[in-house]
Amino acid sequence: MQIKAPGAGDRWLNGESLEGIAFGPSAAVVVIAGRYEGQRGRVVLLASLGTNPVYIVKLGSGIGDVRVQQSQLQLMQ
């Protein structure tokens, strides 16, 4: 029986730091550019890796879950 190593998404959900990934699960963020600029929310999932990773963010305004590029997000202070 072969056990598969967890993928990047699973490792991210478990709190492992991944190169090039700025936000962890449940990070409180504000959208600083794009369609949802000014909206606040929490990171739910890491949707894709790459030079500009994409996250699923649950917006607090009631809009729901949206896809947002890392470059369009900033940690809330």
N, C-alpha and C. Protein backbone atom coordinates (compact mmCIF):
# COMPACT_ATOMS: atom_id res chain seq x y z
N MET A 1 0.84 -1.18 0.00
CA MET A 1 0.00 0.00 0.00
C MET A 1 0.89 1.25 0.00
N GLN A 2 0.60 2.15 -0.90
CA GLN A 2 1.39 3.37 -1.02
C GLN A 2 0.60 4.54 -0.45
N ILE A 3 1.25 5.33 0.38
CA ILE A 3 0.61 6.51 0.96
C ILE A 3 1.10 7.73 0.18
N LYS A 4 0.17 8.49 -0.35
CA LYS A 4 0.53 9.68 -1.12
C LYS A 4 0.89 10.82 -0.18
N ALA A 5 1.90 11.57 -0.58
CA ALA A 5 2.28 12.77 0.17
C ALA A 5 1.18 13.81 -0.03
N PRO A 6 0.88 14.58 1.01
CA PRO A 6 -0.16 15.61 0.86
C PRO A 6 0.26 16.66 -0.17
N GLY A 7 -0.72 17.17 -0.91
CA GLY A 7 -0.47 18.21 -1.90
C GLY A 7 -0.25 19.55 -1.23
N ALA A 8 0.11 20.53 -2.03
CA ALA A 8 0.37 21.87 -1.50
C ALA A 8 -0.83 22.44 -0.77
N GLY A 9 -2.02 22.24 -1.32
CA GLY A 9 -3.23 22.76 -0.67
C GLY A 9 -3.45 22.16 0.71
N ASP A 10 -3.22 20.86 0.83
CA ASP A 10 -3.36 20.20 2.13
C ASP A 10 -2.31 20.69 3.12
N ARG A 11 -1.09 20.83 2.63
CA ARG A 11 -0.02 21.32 3.51
C ARG A 11 -0.32 22.74 3.97
N TRP A 12 -0.84 23.58 3.06
CA TRP A 12 -1.22 24.95 3.40
C TRP A 12 -2.31 24.95 4.46
N LEU A 13 -3.33 24.11 4.27
CA LEU A 13 -4.42 24.03 5.26
C LEU A 13 -3.93 23.59 6.63
N ASN A 14 -2.86 22.80 6.64
CA ASN A 14 -2.28 22.34 7.91
C ASN A 14 -1.32 23.35 8.53
N GLY A 15 -1.21 24.53 7.91
CA GLY A 15 -0.41 25.59 8.49
C GLY A 15 1.04 25.63 8.04
N GLU A 16 1.41 24.81 7.09
CA GLU A 16 2.79 24.81 6.59
C GLU A 16 3.03 26.05 5.73
N SER A 17 4.16 26.69 5.92
CA SER A 17 4.53 27.83 5.08
C SER A 17 4.98 27.31 3.72
N LEU A 18 4.46 27.94 2.66
CA LEU A 18 4.84 27.57 1.31
C LEU A 18 5.50 28.77 0.64
N GLU A 19 6.54 28.51 -0.12
CA GLU A 19 7.26 29.58 -0.80
C GLU A 19 6.31 30.36 -1.72
N GLY A 20 6.34 31.68 -1.58
CA GLY A 20 5.54 32.54 -2.44
C GLY A 20 4.10 32.73 -2.00
N ILE A 21 3.72 32.09 -0.89
CA ILE A 21 2.35 32.19 -0.39
C ILE A 21 2.35 33.13 0.82
N ALA A 22 1.62 34.24 0.70
CA ALA A 22 1.67 35.29 1.72
C ALA A 22 0.63 35.14 2.82
N PHE A 23 -0.48 34.45 2.52
CA PHE A 23 -1.59 34.40 3.48
C PHE A 23 -1.94 32.97 3.84
N GLY A 24 -2.18 32.75 5.12
CA GLY A 24 -2.56 31.44 5.60
C GLY A 24 -4.07 31.31 5.73
N PRO A 25 -4.51 30.11 6.10
CA PRO A 25 -5.93 29.88 6.30
C PRO A 25 -6.51 30.83 7.36
N SER A 26 -7.66 31.38 7.10
CA SER A 26 -8.39 32.28 8.01
C SER A 26 -7.74 33.64 8.19
N ALA A 27 -6.73 33.97 7.39
CA ALA A 27 -6.10 35.29 7.49
C ALA A 27 -7.13 36.38 7.22
N ALA A 28 -7.15 37.40 8.06
CA ALA A 28 -8.03 38.56 7.86
C ALA A 28 -7.37 39.48 6.85
N VAL A 29 -8.07 39.73 5.75
CA VAL A 29 -7.49 40.50 4.65
C VAL A 29 -8.44 41.61 4.19
N VAL A 30 -7.85 42.57 3.49
CA VAL A 30 -8.63 43.60 2.79
C VAL A 30 -8.20 43.55 1.33
N VAL A 31 -9.17 43.69 0.45
CA VAL A 31 -8.89 43.71 -0.98
C VAL A 31 -8.45 45.12 -1.34
N ILE A 32 -7.25 45.26 -1.92
CA ILE A 32 -6.68 46.59 -2.19
C ILE A 32 -6.73 46.97 -3.66
N ALA A 33 -7.22 46.07 -4.51
CA ALA A 33 -7.33 46.37 -5.94
C ALA A 33 -8.34 45.43 -6.58
N GLY A 34 -8.85 45.85 -7.71
CA GLY A 34 -9.76 44.98 -8.45
C GLY A 34 -11.22 45.21 -8.12
N ARG A 35 -12.03 44.30 -8.59
CA ARG A 35 -13.49 44.41 -8.48
C ARG A 35 -14.00 44.59 -7.05
N TYR A 36 -13.34 43.97 -6.09
CA TYR A 36 -13.81 43.99 -4.71
C TYR A 36 -12.99 44.92 -3.81
N GLU A 37 -12.31 45.88 -4.41
CA GLU A 37 -11.46 46.80 -3.66
C GLU A 37 -12.21 47.42 -2.48
N GLY A 38 -11.55 47.42 -1.32
CA GLY A 38 -12.13 47.98 -0.10
C GLY A 38 -12.89 46.99 0.74
N GLN A 39 -13.19 45.82 0.19
CA GLN A 39 -13.92 44.79 0.94
C GLN A 39 -12.98 44.06 1.89
N ARG A 40 -13.52 43.68 3.03
CA ARG A 40 -12.75 42.93 4.02
C ARG A 40 -13.28 41.51 4.09
N GLY A 41 -12.38 40.58 4.43
CA GLY A 41 -12.82 39.20 4.53
C GLY A 41 -11.76 38.31 5.14
N ARG A 42 -11.98 37.00 4.99
CA ARG A 42 -11.06 36.00 5.51
C ARG A 42 -10.72 35.01 4.41
N VAL A 43 -9.45 34.61 4.38
CA VAL A 43 -9.00 33.62 3.41
C VAL A 43 -9.60 32.26 3.79
N VAL A 44 -10.23 31.62 2.82
CA VAL A 44 -10.85 30.32 3.04
C VAL A 44 -10.00 29.20 2.45
N LEU A 45 -9.54 29.39 1.22
CA LEU A 45 -8.75 28.36 0.53
C LEU A 45 -7.68 28.99 -0.35
N LEU A 46 -6.67 28.21 -0.61
CA LEU A 46 -5.66 28.55 -1.60
C LEU A 46 -6.12 27.88 -2.90
N ALA A 47 -6.54 28.68 -3.88
CA ALA A 47 -7.14 28.13 -5.10
C ALA A 47 -6.10 27.74 -6.15
N SER A 48 -5.01 28.50 -6.25
CA SER A 48 -3.98 28.15 -7.22
C SER A 48 -2.64 28.74 -6.82
N LEU A 49 -1.59 28.05 -7.25
CA LEU A 49 -0.22 28.50 -7.00
C LEU A 49 0.27 29.22 -8.25
N GLY A 50 1.47 29.72 -8.20
CA GLY A 50 2.07 30.38 -9.35
C GLY A 50 2.69 31.69 -8.94
N THR A 51 2.99 32.53 -9.92
CA THR A 51 3.65 33.80 -9.63
C THR A 51 2.72 34.76 -8.89
N ASN A 52 1.41 34.60 -9.04
CA ASN A 52 0.44 35.44 -8.32
C ASN A 52 -0.69 34.52 -7.84
N PRO A 53 -0.44 33.82 -6.71
CA PRO A 53 -1.41 32.84 -6.23
C PRO A 53 -2.82 33.44 -6.09
N VAL A 54 -3.81 32.56 -6.19
CA VAL A 54 -5.21 32.97 -6.08
C VAL A 54 -5.81 32.31 -4.84
N TYR A 55 -6.55 33.09 -4.08
CA TYR A 55 -7.21 32.61 -2.86
C TYR A 55 -8.72 32.72 -3.02
N ILE A 56 -9.43 31.87 -2.30
CA ILE A 56 -10.87 32.04 -2.13
C ILE A 56 -11.02 32.82 -0.83
N VAL A 57 -11.68 33.97 -0.93
CA VAL A 57 -11.86 34.86 0.22
C VAL A 57 -13.35 35.02 0.50
N LYS A 58 -13.74 34.80 1.74
CA LYS A 58 -15.13 35.02 2.16
C LYS A 58 -15.25 36.47 2.60
N LEU A 59 -15.97 37.25 1.82
CA LEU A 59 -16.11 38.67 2.12
C LEU A 59 -17.17 38.89 3.20
N GLY A 60 -16.89 39.82 4.09
CA GLY A 60 -17.80 40.11 5.19
C GLY A 60 -19.01 40.91 4.79
N SER A 61 -19.04 41.43 3.58
CA SER A 61 -20.14 42.28 3.14
C SER A 61 -21.36 41.48 2.71
N GLY A 62 -21.27 40.17 2.74
CA GLY A 62 -22.39 39.35 2.32
C GLY A 62 -22.33 38.96 0.86
N ILE A 63 -21.31 39.41 0.13
CA ILE A 63 -21.17 39.06 -1.28
C ILE A 63 -20.94 37.56 -1.42
N GLY A 64 -20.25 36.97 -0.46
CA GLY A 64 -19.95 35.55 -0.51
C GLY A 64 -18.48 35.29 -0.73
N ASP A 65 -18.19 34.12 -1.28
CA ASP A 65 -16.82 33.70 -1.53
C ASP A 65 -16.40 34.15 -2.93
N VAL A 66 -15.23 34.76 -3.02
CA VAL A 66 -14.73 35.26 -4.30
C VAL A 66 -13.27 34.84 -4.48
N ARG A 67 -12.84 34.79 -5.72
CA ARG A 67 -11.45 34.48 -6.06
C ARG A 67 -10.69 35.81 -6.16
N VAL A 68 -9.56 35.89 -5.44
CA VAL A 68 -8.77 37.13 -5.44
C VAL A 68 -7.29 36.78 -5.54
N GLN A 69 -6.58 37.48 -6.41
CA GLN A 69 -5.14 37.27 -6.56
C GLN A 69 -4.40 37.83 -5.34
N GLN A 70 -3.28 37.19 -5.03
CA GLN A 70 -2.47 37.60 -3.89
C GLN A 70 -2.08 39.07 -3.97
N SER A 71 -1.75 39.54 -5.16
CA SER A 71 -1.32 40.94 -5.33
C SER A 71 -2.44 41.94 -5.04
N GLN A 72 -3.67 41.47 -4.95
CA GLN A 72 -4.81 42.34 -4.67
C GLN A 72 -5.24 42.30 -3.21
N LEU A 73 -4.46 41.62 -2.38
CA LEU A 73 -4.80 41.46 -0.97
C LEU A 73 -3.74 42.04 -0.05
N GLN A 74 -4.18 42.43 1.12
CA GLN A 74 -3.27 42.92 2.18
C GLN A 74 -3.85 42.44 3.50
N LEU A 75 -2.95 42.08 4.43
CA LEU A 75 -3.41 41.70 5.77
C LEU A 75 -4.08 42.88 6.44
N MET A 76 -5.18 42.64 7.13
CA MET A 76 -5.83 43.70 7.89
C MET A 76 -5.00 43.97 9.14
N GLN A 77 -4.98 45.23 9.50
CA GLN A 77 -4.20 45.61 10.70
C GLN A 77 -5.10 45.93 11.84
